Amino acid sequence: MSDVSARLDLPFIAPSQAQKHVTHNEAVQRLDILVQMALDGFEATEPPAAPDTGARYALGQGAMGVWAGQDGQIAVFLGEAWTFVAPQEGWIATARGTADVRLYRDGTWQRFPERIARLGIATDADALNRLSVSAEATLLSHAGAGHQLKINKATAADTASLLFQTGFSGRAEMGIAGQDDLSIKVSADGTNWTEALRVNAQTGRLSGAGVQSSPTDATAGRVLAVGAFGLGAVGTPANLADLDAITTPAGFHRVINSAAGTFPAGATGATLFGVMQIERYGPSDIVQTYKPITADAIHTRRYTGGAWQPWRHVYTQASLLGTVSQSGGVATGAVIERGSNANGDYVRFADGTQLCWHTLMLGAINVAEGAGFASAAAVNWTFPAGFAAGTKAAITGASTNIGRAWLSPFSSNNAACSVLGLRLLSTSSSSEFRVTALGRWF
């Protein structure tokens, strides 16, 4: 039987040994040296001049003085002299006051590796997933300020991304995959992938299945881009092929003279060019607003009940006064027209209302007429502007120079009327009347 223990070389007490305490104390002292071994230094070569009792050093190569010839040993000062112990494979020691922890391996004290080939936390790591974590959450926190999670790749053609999986089958990926543009991809089966969004690394602009592919792309659910349907565009909007098409997306469109469909009445030549705004309230309820570029006017119409309604002229402030006109009962010109000629003054309104007025000299009112008197002869008044064919205007008037007199119109048509002056009680040598005609011009 050996006189010492197999691992720490602790001396055994022999049978019938005298002074057993010496052997026991030597074993305890050796335990004190080796258990929970905290050294005063590694790779030491020069012994301290006044060491404390219990000082321990792991000696390096080229030890000097009282340590000479003890390279690689553990030197322990026991109060009167240095004792040397040979370290064994697998021993662990620390250096006091530091985080330096070493393992005795292959004849040297080796630091615990700063680089670990693979690490699994509550799960197994493998050659591909060298860091694996199985947990309800993973926290990466700051050390007093901010925190960055960095995913680095070797070249632009490689991939640096976050992959989201269901049952270890990919469903979404975000990162710079195969190039340096940031992309977000999705998959329903882990095999077929759709690039929903790409951010160009040079310009920062967006593309992908979730963004409009062109200014007229009307795919539902896609992100609207600047310039789509003329919104925010600096250049020319897309040409509108057919004004009557009911599938044209809402937005702003360019109208040129070759466009098909129904233009507002009176629009010819250069006035065919303009901008069309389309608003959709539903598949069968659409409003169009058309602005010719060479005419100070706005036209609007609505698609409802399965048909386009007639164009209506919406007037700007600059076109309030001018020549009124109409087509099929729909106003197409200015809002108000005013004029005068030898037959008097008139005003026409875009809704069809017309008012004419004039001053007429009816002469003496001296012909007995019942209880009063009438002017000697009727005076014919041709209106300064004709009323609608087949209509008659309402004629009124008032004397401007005598009292108790009134106007009696007759033989009225759309172009003219005849009037007499009437007076009660007495005759007058002359009479002047302000006459008015009210009706419709269409």
Protein backbone atom coordinates (compact mmCIF):
# COMPACT_ATOMS: atom_id res chain seq x y z
CA MET A 1 0.00 0.00 0.00
CA SER A 2 1.27 3.48 -0.88
CA ASP A 3 2.30 5.90 1.86
CA VAL A 4 0.51 8.86 0.16
CA SER A 5 -2.92 9.52 -1.36
CA ALA A 6 -3.42 8.96 -5.09
CA ARG A 7 -4.23 12.56 -6.14
CA LEU A 8 -2.91 15.12 -3.65
CA ASP A 9 0.02 13.05 -2.27
CA LEU A 10 -1.27 13.43 1.28
CA PRO A 11 0.83 11.29 3.71
CA PHE A 12 -0.92 8.39 5.43
CA ILE A 13 -0.42 7.51 9.10
CA ALA A 14 1.30 4.13 9.23
CA PRO A 15 0.21 1.40 11.61
CA SER A 16 1.88 1.66 15.03
CA GLN A 17 3.51 4.94 13.91
CA ALA A 18 5.01 7.08 16.63
CA GLN A 19 4.29 10.83 16.60
CA LYS A 20 1.22 10.41 14.46
CA HIS A 21 0.49 14.11 14.77
CA VAL A 22 3.44 14.92 12.53
CA THR A 23 2.04 12.95 9.62
CA HIS A 24 -1.48 14.28 10.26
CA ASN A 25 -0.31 17.88 10.43
CA GLU A 26 1.68 17.46 7.21
CA ALA A 27 -1.43 16.19 5.42
CA VAL A 28 -3.54 19.08 6.74
CA GLN A 29 -0.86 21.55 5.71
CA ARG A 30 -0.77 20.09 2.23
CA LEU A 31 -4.56 20.34 2.02
CA ASP A 32 -4.30 23.99 3.05
CA ILE A 33 -1.92 24.56 0.17
CA LEU A 34 -3.89 22.82 -2.55
CA VAL A 35 -7.61 23.16 -1.76
CA GLN A 36 -9.35 26.35 -3.11
CA MET A 37 -5.98 27.33 -4.52
CA ALA A 38 -5.62 31.13 -4.77
CA LEU A 39 -2.08 32.04 -5.87
CA ASP A 40 -0.16 35.26 -5.52
CA GLY A 41 0.97 34.99 -9.10
CA PHE A 42 1.54 32.81 -12.12
CA GLU A 43 4.84 32.24 -13.96
CA ALA A 44 6.82 33.77 -11.07
CA THR A 45 10.64 33.46 -11.25
CA GLU A 46 11.96 35.73 -8.49
CA PRO A 47 11.03 35.00 -4.86
CA PRO A 48 9.79 37.98 -2.77
CA ALA A 49 12.22 39.36 -0.20
CA ALA A 50 9.80 39.16 2.76
CA PRO A 51 6.95 36.80 1.91
CA ASP A 52 3.91 36.38 4.13
CA THR A 53 3.23 32.99 5.64
CA GLY A 54 1.02 31.11 3.22
CA ALA A 55 2.25 32.98 0.11
CA ARG A 56 1.85 30.77 -2.96
CA TYR A 57 3.23 31.11 -6.47
CA ALA A 58 3.08 29.05 -9.63
CA LEU A 59 6.67 29.11 -10.84
CA GLY A 60 7.63 29.74 -14.41
CA GLN A 61 10.76 28.84 -16.36
CA GLY A 62 14.07 30.20 -15.08
CA ALA A 63 13.19 30.43 -11.38
CA MET A 64 15.95 32.10 -9.34
CA GLY A 65 17.28 32.20 -5.76
CA VAL A 66 15.69 29.74 -3.39
CA TRP A 67 13.32 28.81 -6.22
CA ALA A 68 16.13 27.73 -8.53
CA GLY A 69 15.54 24.29 -10.04
CA GLN A 70 11.84 24.32 -9.14
CA ASP A 71 10.49 25.49 -12.50
CA GLY A 72 6.81 24.62 -12.94
CA GLN A 73 6.30 23.82 -9.21
CA ILE A 74 3.94 25.55 -6.78
CA ALA A 75 6.04 27.37 -4.19
CA VAL A 76 4.45 27.86 -0.72
CA PHE A 77 6.06 29.84 2.13
CA LEU A 78 5.22 28.12 5.44
CA GLY A 79 6.84 30.67 7.74
CA GLU A 80 10.42 29.44 7.77
CA ALA A 81 11.09 28.01 4.34
CA TRP A 82 9.58 27.43 0.92
CA THR A 83 7.84 24.17 0.18
CA PHE A 84 7.34 23.00 -3.37
CA VAL A 85 4.42 20.95 -4.73
CA ALA A 86 4.15 19.58 -8.24
CA PRO A 87 0.80 20.55 -9.88
CA GLN A 88 -1.30 17.80 -11.43
CA GLU A 89 -3.33 17.67 -14.64
CA GLY A 90 -6.73 19.30 -14.21
CA TRP A 91 -5.97 21.49 -11.19
CA ILE A 92 -7.60 24.94 -11.22
CA ALA A 93 -6.14 28.05 -9.59
CA THR A 94 -6.84 31.76 -9.48
CA ALA A 95 -4.61 34.79 -9.03
CA ARG A 96 -5.61 36.84 -5.97
CA GLY A 97 -7.23 40.21 -6.77
CA THR A 98 -7.79 39.40 -10.43
CA ALA A 99 -10.21 37.49 -12.69
CA ASP A 100 -7.30 35.36 -13.93
CA VAL A 101 -8.47 31.73 -13.67
CA ARG A 102 -6.21 29.01 -15.07
CA LEU A 103 -6.27 25.29 -15.70
CA TYR A 104 -3.14 23.13 -15.38
CA ARG A 105 -3.03 21.23 -18.62
CA ASP A 106 -0.27 19.64 -20.69
CA GLY A 107 2.41 20.78 -18.21
CA THR A 108 1.46 24.49 -18.13
CA TRP A 109 -1.04 26.78 -16.44
CA GLN A 110 -3.44 27.72 -19.26
CA ARG A 111 -6.01 30.47 -19.10
CA PHE A 112 -9.60 29.43 -19.60
CA PRO A 113 -10.32 30.06 -23.26
CA GLU A 114 -11.80 33.50 -24.15
CA ARG A 115 -13.10 31.86 -27.31
CA ILE A 116 -15.51 28.97 -26.93
CA ALA A 117 -16.01 26.83 -30.02
CA ARG A 118 -19.74 26.32 -29.30
CA LEU A 119 -22.17 26.99 -26.47
CA GLY A 120 -25.63 25.60 -25.83
CA ILE A 121 -27.81 27.10 -23.13
CA ALA A 122 -30.60 24.71 -22.16
CA THR A 123 -30.22 23.11 -25.59
CA ASP A 124 -27.53 21.60 -27.82
CA ALA A 125 -25.28 23.68 -30.03
CA ASP A 126 -24.00 22.25 -33.30
CA ALA A 127 -21.46 23.03 -36.00
CA LEU A 128 -23.87 25.49 -37.72
CA ASN A 129 -25.68 26.92 -34.70
CA ARG A 130 -22.66 27.33 -32.46
CA LEU A 131 -24.62 29.44 -29.98
CA SER A 132 -27.99 27.94 -29.12
CA VAL A 133 -30.44 29.17 -26.48
CA SER A 134 -33.68 27.54 -25.38
CA ALA A 135 -35.67 29.98 -23.24
CA GLU A 136 -38.86 32.01 -23.06
CA ALA A 137 -36.87 35.19 -23.73
CA THR A 138 -33.31 36.31 -24.40
CA LEU A 139 -32.18 39.64 -22.93
CA LEU A 140 -29.32 41.71 -24.28
CA SER A 141 -29.03 44.76 -22.03
CA HIS A 142 -26.90 47.90 -21.90
CA ALA A 143 -23.82 48.42 -19.75
CA GLY A 144 -24.76 51.93 -18.69
CA ALA A 145 -25.58 53.56 -22.03
CA GLY A 146 -26.79 52.14 -25.35
CA HIS A 147 -26.56 48.68 -26.84
CA GLN A 148 -26.03 47.41 -30.39
CA LEU A 149 -26.66 43.95 -31.78
CA LYS A 150 -24.24 43.46 -34.67
CA ILE A 151 -24.60 40.89 -37.45
CA ASN A 152 -21.57 40.99 -39.74
CA LYS A 153 -20.97 39.29 -43.08
CA ALA A 154 -17.79 38.85 -45.09
CA THR A 155 -18.83 40.19 -48.51
CA ALA A 156 -21.83 41.89 -50.13
CA ALA A 157 -22.82 38.59 -51.75
CA ASP A 158 -23.17 36.91 -48.34
CA THR A 159 -26.14 37.14 -45.97
CA ALA A 160 -26.57 38.95 -42.65
CA SER A 161 -30.16 38.62 -41.51
CA LEU A 162 -32.71 37.71 -38.87
CA LEU A 163 -34.68 34.59 -39.78
CA PHE A 164 -38.06 33.96 -38.13
CA GLN A 165 -39.25 30.35 -38.13
CA THR A 166 -42.27 28.24 -37.28
CA GLY A 167 -41.33 24.68 -36.38
CA PHE A 168 -37.80 25.40 -37.67
CA SER A 169 -39.25 26.33 -41.09
CA GLY A 170 -38.62 29.88 -42.30
CA ARG A 171 -41.56 32.28 -42.45
CA ALA A 172 -39.94 35.73 -42.53
CA GLU A 173 -36.43 37.10 -43.04
CA MET A 174 -35.12 40.61 -42.53
CA GLY A 175 -31.61 41.76 -43.35
CA ILE A 176 -29.09 42.22 -46.15
CA ALA A 177 -29.26 38.96 -48.05
CA GLY A 178 -27.04 38.49 -51.11
CA GLN A 179 -26.49 42.25 -51.47
CA ASP A 180 -26.37 45.38 -49.30
CA ASP A 181 -29.99 46.49 -49.80
CA LEU A 182 -32.16 45.93 -46.73
CA SER A 183 -34.99 43.54 -47.52
CA ILE A 184 -37.94 41.91 -45.79
CA LYS A 185 -39.07 38.56 -47.21
CA VAL A 186 -41.99 36.33 -46.23
CA SER A 187 -42.95 32.73 -46.93
CA ALA A 188 -46.02 30.63 -46.23
CA ASP A 189 -44.22 27.28 -46.56
CA GLY A 190 -40.52 27.92 -45.98
CA THR A 191 -39.75 27.19 -49.65
CA ASN A 192 -41.38 29.88 -51.76
CA TRP A 193 -40.39 33.40 -50.73
CA THR A 194 -41.76 36.85 -51.62
CA GLU A 195 -39.69 39.99 -51.19
CA ALA A 196 -42.25 42.30 -49.60
CA LEU A 197 -39.95 45.29 -49.18
CA ARG A 198 -36.50 46.38 -50.33
CA VAL A 199 -34.69 49.54 -49.26
CA ASN A 200 -32.07 50.62 -51.80
CA ALA A 201 -28.73 51.05 -50.03
CA GLN A 202 -27.73 53.93 -52.32
CA THR A 203 -30.96 55.98 -52.49
CA GLY A 204 -33.05 54.77 -49.56
CA ARG A 205 -36.02 54.30 -51.89
CA LEU A 206 -38.48 51.44 -51.52
CA SER A 207 -39.45 48.62 -53.85
CA GLY A 208 -40.86 45.11 -53.54
CA ALA A 209 -44.20 43.34 -53.67
CA GLY A 210 -45.62 45.68 -51.02
CA VAL A 211 -44.87 48.84 -53.04
CA GLN A 212 -46.42 50.11 -56.27
CA SER A 213 -44.52 48.83 -59.30
CA SER A 214 -45.45 51.87 -61.41
CA PRO A 215 -47.26 55.22 -61.00
CA THR A 216 -50.48 53.57 -62.25
CA ASP A 217 -50.22 50.27 -60.36
CA ALA A 218 -53.60 49.85 -58.63
CA THR A 219 -52.88 46.55 -56.83
CA ALA A 220 -54.82 46.56 -53.56
CA GLY A 221 -52.78 46.78 -50.36
CA ARG A 222 -49.58 48.15 -51.89
CA VAL A 223 -47.84 51.23 -50.49
CA LEU A 224 -48.58 54.39 -52.50
CA ALA A 225 -45.40 55.89 -53.97
CA VAL A 226 -44.70 59.54 -54.71
CA GLY A 227 -45.99 60.26 -58.21
CA ALA A 228 -48.64 57.52 -58.09
CA PHE A 229 -51.62 58.68 -60.11
CA GLY A 230 -50.06 62.14 -60.20
CA LEU A 231 -49.88 62.58 -56.41
CA GLY A 232 -46.76 64.53 -55.51
CA ALA A 233 -45.38 64.18 -59.03
CA VAL A 234 -43.11 66.88 -60.41
CA GLY A 235 -43.17 65.45 -63.93
CA THR A 236 -46.09 64.72 -66.22
CA PRO A 237 -48.81 62.36 -64.92
CA ALA A 238 -49.72 59.32 -66.97
CA ASN A 239 -52.01 59.89 -69.96
CA LEU A 240 -55.67 58.99 -69.53
CA ALA A 241 -56.55 56.70 -72.44
CA ASP A 242 -60.34 56.85 -72.18
CA LEU A 243 -62.38 59.47 -70.31
CA ASP A 244 -65.35 57.11 -70.15
CA ALA A 245 -63.48 54.14 -68.68
CA ILE A 246 -64.88 53.23 -65.26
CA THR A 247 -61.87 51.15 -64.17
CA THR A 248 -59.40 54.05 -64.08
CA PRO A 249 -57.86 54.34 -60.58
CA ALA A 250 -58.53 57.41 -58.46
CA GLY A 251 -55.92 60.16 -58.71
CA PHE A 252 -54.64 62.77 -61.15
CA HIS A 253 -54.28 61.99 -64.85
CA ARG A 254 -53.10 63.87 -67.93
CA VAL A 255 -55.65 64.37 -70.74
CA ILE A 256 -54.52 64.83 -74.35
CA ASN A 257 -56.51 65.39 -77.52
CA SER A 258 -56.20 61.77 -78.63
CA ALA A 259 -57.97 60.43 -75.54
CA ALA A 260 -61.13 58.47 -76.19
CA GLY A 261 -64.40 59.20 -74.45
CA THR A 262 -66.73 62.15 -73.96
CA PHE A 263 -65.23 65.62 -73.55
CA PRO A 264 -67.21 68.59 -72.19
CA ALA A 265 -69.34 70.33 -74.79
CA GLY A 266 -67.45 72.99 -76.69
CA ALA A 267 -64.02 71.56 -75.92
CA THR A 268 -62.04 71.46 -79.16
CA GLY A 269 -58.48 71.84 -80.29
CA ALA A 270 -56.14 73.02 -77.56
CA THR A 271 -58.92 73.00 -74.96
CA LEU A 272 -58.90 69.20 -75.08
CA PHE A 273 -55.57 69.15 -73.25
CA GLY A 274 -55.87 69.24 -69.48
CA VAL A 275 -55.75 67.43 -66.15
CA MET A 276 -58.36 64.99 -64.87
CA GLN A 277 -58.98 64.29 -61.19
CA ILE A 278 -60.85 61.06 -60.50
CA GLU A 279 -62.47 60.27 -57.16
CA ARG A 280 -64.07 56.91 -56.48
CA TYR A 281 -66.80 56.36 -53.93
CA GLY A 282 -67.29 52.78 -55.05
CA PRO A 283 -67.08 50.57 -58.16
CA SER A 284 -70.14 52.26 -59.69
CA ASP A 285 -69.97 55.74 -58.20
CA ILE A 286 -67.25 57.96 -59.68
CA VAL A 287 -66.69 61.73 -59.89
CA GLN A 288 -64.48 63.31 -62.55
CA THR A 289 -63.14 66.87 -62.44
CA TYR A 290 -61.61 68.11 -65.69
CA LYS A 291 -59.47 71.25 -66.01
CA PRO A 292 -58.45 72.30 -69.54
CA ILE A 293 -55.04 73.95 -69.61
CA THR A 294 -56.04 76.64 -72.13
CA ALA A 295 -59.46 77.57 -70.72
CA ASP A 296 -60.29 79.21 -67.42
CA ALA A 297 -62.92 76.65 -66.48
CA ILE A 298 -63.58 73.54 -64.44
CA HIS A 299 -65.89 70.75 -65.61
CA THR A 300 -67.29 67.94 -63.50
CA ARG A 301 -69.50 64.92 -64.01
CA ARG A 302 -70.53 61.77 -62.19
CA TYR A 303 -70.84 58.10 -63.08
CA THR A 304 -73.86 56.65 -61.30
CA GLY A 305 -76.65 54.24 -62.08
CA GLY A 306 -74.49 52.56 -64.72
CA ALA A 307 -74.04 55.68 -66.89
CA TRP A 308 -72.04 58.90 -67.12
CA GLN A 309 -74.11 62.00 -66.38
CA PRO A 310 -73.65 65.15 -68.56
CA TRP A 311 -70.64 67.37 -67.97
CA ARG A 312 -71.34 70.45 -65.87
CA HIS A 313 -69.30 73.60 -66.04
CA VAL A 314 -67.98 74.72 -62.65
CA TYR A 315 -66.80 78.29 -62.88
CA THR A 316 -63.77 79.94 -61.42
CA GLN A 317 -63.85 83.51 -60.15
CA ALA A 318 -62.17 84.80 -63.30
CA SER A 319 -64.96 83.39 -65.49
CA LEU A 320 -67.98 84.73 -63.59
CA LEU A 321 -68.59 87.47 -66.14
CA GLY A 322 -68.64 86.74 -69.85
CA THR A 323 -70.80 85.17 -72.51
CA VAL A 324 -73.25 82.63 -71.15
CA SER A 325 -73.98 79.56 -73.22
CA GLN A 326 -75.57 76.18 -72.89
CA SER A 327 -75.66 72.78 -74.50
CA GLY A 328 -78.64 70.48 -74.06
CA GLY A 329 -79.85 72.55 -71.16
CA VAL A 330 -76.46 72.42 -69.40
CA ALA A 331 -74.60 75.70 -68.95
CA THR A 332 -71.26 75.78 -70.73
CA GLY A 333 -70.21 79.44 -70.63
CA ALA A 334 -69.85 82.19 -68.03
CA VAL A 335 -72.08 82.66 -65.00
CA ILE A 336 -73.34 86.17 -65.79
CA GLU A 337 -73.58 88.03 -69.11
CA ARG A 338 -74.49 91.70 -69.27
CA GLY A 339 -75.00 93.91 -72.33
CA SER A 340 -76.84 96.87 -73.85
CA ASN A 341 -77.90 98.27 -77.22
CA ALA A 342 -80.38 100.77 -78.63
CA ASN A 343 -83.24 98.67 -77.27
CA GLY A 344 -82.05 98.80 -73.68
CA ASP A 345 -79.98 96.77 -71.22
CA TYR A 346 -80.07 93.09 -70.32
CA VAL A 347 -78.46 90.54 -67.99
CA ARG A 348 -78.39 86.78 -68.51
CA PHE A 349 -77.61 84.15 -65.88
CA ALA A 350 -76.17 80.67 -66.45
CA ASP A 351 -79.33 79.07 -65.05
CA GLY A 352 -81.36 80.53 -67.96
CA THR A 353 -82.83 83.58 -66.26
CA GLN A 354 -82.85 86.84 -68.29
CA LEU A 355 -83.79 90.39 -67.29
CA CYS A 356 -84.26 93.30 -69.78
CA TRP A 357 -84.97 96.93 -69.03
CA HIS A 358 -85.39 100.19 -70.98
CA THR A 359 -86.85 103.69 -70.77
CA LEU A 360 -89.81 104.34 -73.12
CA MET A 361 -91.45 107.66 -74.03
CA LEU A 362 -95.21 107.00 -74.42
CA GLY A 363 -96.26 110.60 -75.12
CA ALA A 364 -99.48 112.20 -73.92
CA ILE A 365 -102.00 110.22 -71.93
CA ASN A 366 -105.19 111.97 -72.93
CA VAL A 367 -107.49 109.49 -74.63
CA ALA A 368 -110.52 108.75 -72.50
CA GLU A 369 -110.56 105.10 -71.43
CA GLY A 370 -113.39 104.25 -69.07
CA ALA A 371 -112.86 106.13 -65.81
CA GLY A 372 -109.34 107.16 -66.86
CA PHE A 373 -107.17 107.96 -69.81
CA ALA A 374 -104.74 106.08 -72.11
CA SER A 375 -101.86 107.10 -74.30
CA ALA A 376 -102.80 107.93 -77.84
CA ALA A 377 -100.84 105.13 -79.49
CA ALA A 378 -99.15 101.95 -78.39
CA VAL A 379 -95.34 101.87 -78.35
CA ASN A 380 -93.51 98.75 -79.53
CA TRP A 381 -90.45 97.59 -77.49
CA THR A 382 -88.01 95.21 -79.09
CA PHE A 383 -86.09 93.50 -76.31
CA PRO A 384 -82.31 94.17 -76.19
CA ALA A 385 -81.84 90.36 -76.00
CA GLY A 386 -84.37 87.80 -77.11
CA PHE A 387 -85.98 85.28 -74.78
CA ALA A 388 -86.30 81.56 -75.44
CA ALA A 389 -88.44 80.69 -78.45
CA GLY A 390 -92.04 80.00 -77.59
CA THR A 391 -91.87 81.85 -74.28
CA LYS A 392 -93.26 85.17 -73.12
CA ALA A 393 -91.60 87.47 -70.63
CA ALA A 394 -93.28 89.12 -67.68
CA ILE A 395 -93.51 92.86 -68.48
CA THR A 396 -93.70 95.50 -65.77
CA GLY A 397 -93.09 99.27 -65.67
CA ALA A 398 -93.42 102.46 -63.70
CA SER A 399 -93.69 106.12 -64.72
CA THR A 400 -90.72 108.29 -64.02
CA ASN A 401 -92.39 111.73 -64.50
CA ILE A 402 -96.08 111.55 -63.49
CA GLY A 403 -98.09 110.03 -60.71
CA ARG A 404 -101.14 107.80 -60.70
CA ALA A 405 -99.98 106.16 -63.93
CA TRP A 406 -99.23 102.58 -64.86
CA LEU A 407 -98.10 100.46 -67.76
CA SER A 408 -100.32 98.14 -69.82
CA PRO A 409 -98.32 95.63 -71.93
CA PHE A 410 -99.83 93.47 -74.70
CA SER A 411 -98.91 91.55 -77.86
CA SER A 412 -95.87 90.13 -76.07
CA ASN A 413 -93.67 87.40 -77.63
CA ASN A 414 -90.09 86.24 -77.15
CA ALA A 415 -88.65 89.19 -79.12
CA ALA A 416 -90.83 92.22 -78.41
CA CYS A 417 -93.98 93.63 -76.84
CA SER A 418 -96.36 96.60 -77.15
CA VAL A 419 -97.26 98.92 -74.25
CA LEU A 420 -99.74 101.66 -73.41
CA GLY A 421 -99.62 104.22 -70.62
CA LEU A 422 -102.72 104.56 -68.38
CA ARG A 423 -103.69 107.27 -65.87
CA LEU A 424 -106.59 108.02 -63.52
CA LEU A 425 -108.49 111.25 -62.96
CA SER A 426 -106.65 113.52 -65.39
CA THR A 427 -104.68 113.62 -68.59
CA SER A 428 -100.96 114.28 -69.02
CA SER A 429 -99.17 115.95 -71.90
CA SER A 430 -96.25 113.51 -71.77
CA SER A 431 -95.25 110.30 -70.07
CA GLU A 432 -92.02 108.35 -69.55
CA PHE A 433 -91.91 104.77 -68.30
CA ARG A 434 -89.12 102.49 -67.03
CA VAL A 435 -90.02 99.05 -68.41
CA THR A 436 -88.72 95.64 -67.39
CA ALA A 437 -89.05 92.18 -68.95
CA LEU A 438 -88.26 88.99 -66.97
CA GLY A 439 -88.03 85.52 -68.51
CA ARG A 440 -85.68 82.75 -69.66
CA TRP A 441 -83.16 82.82 -72.45
CA PHE A 442 -83.14 78.97 -72.69
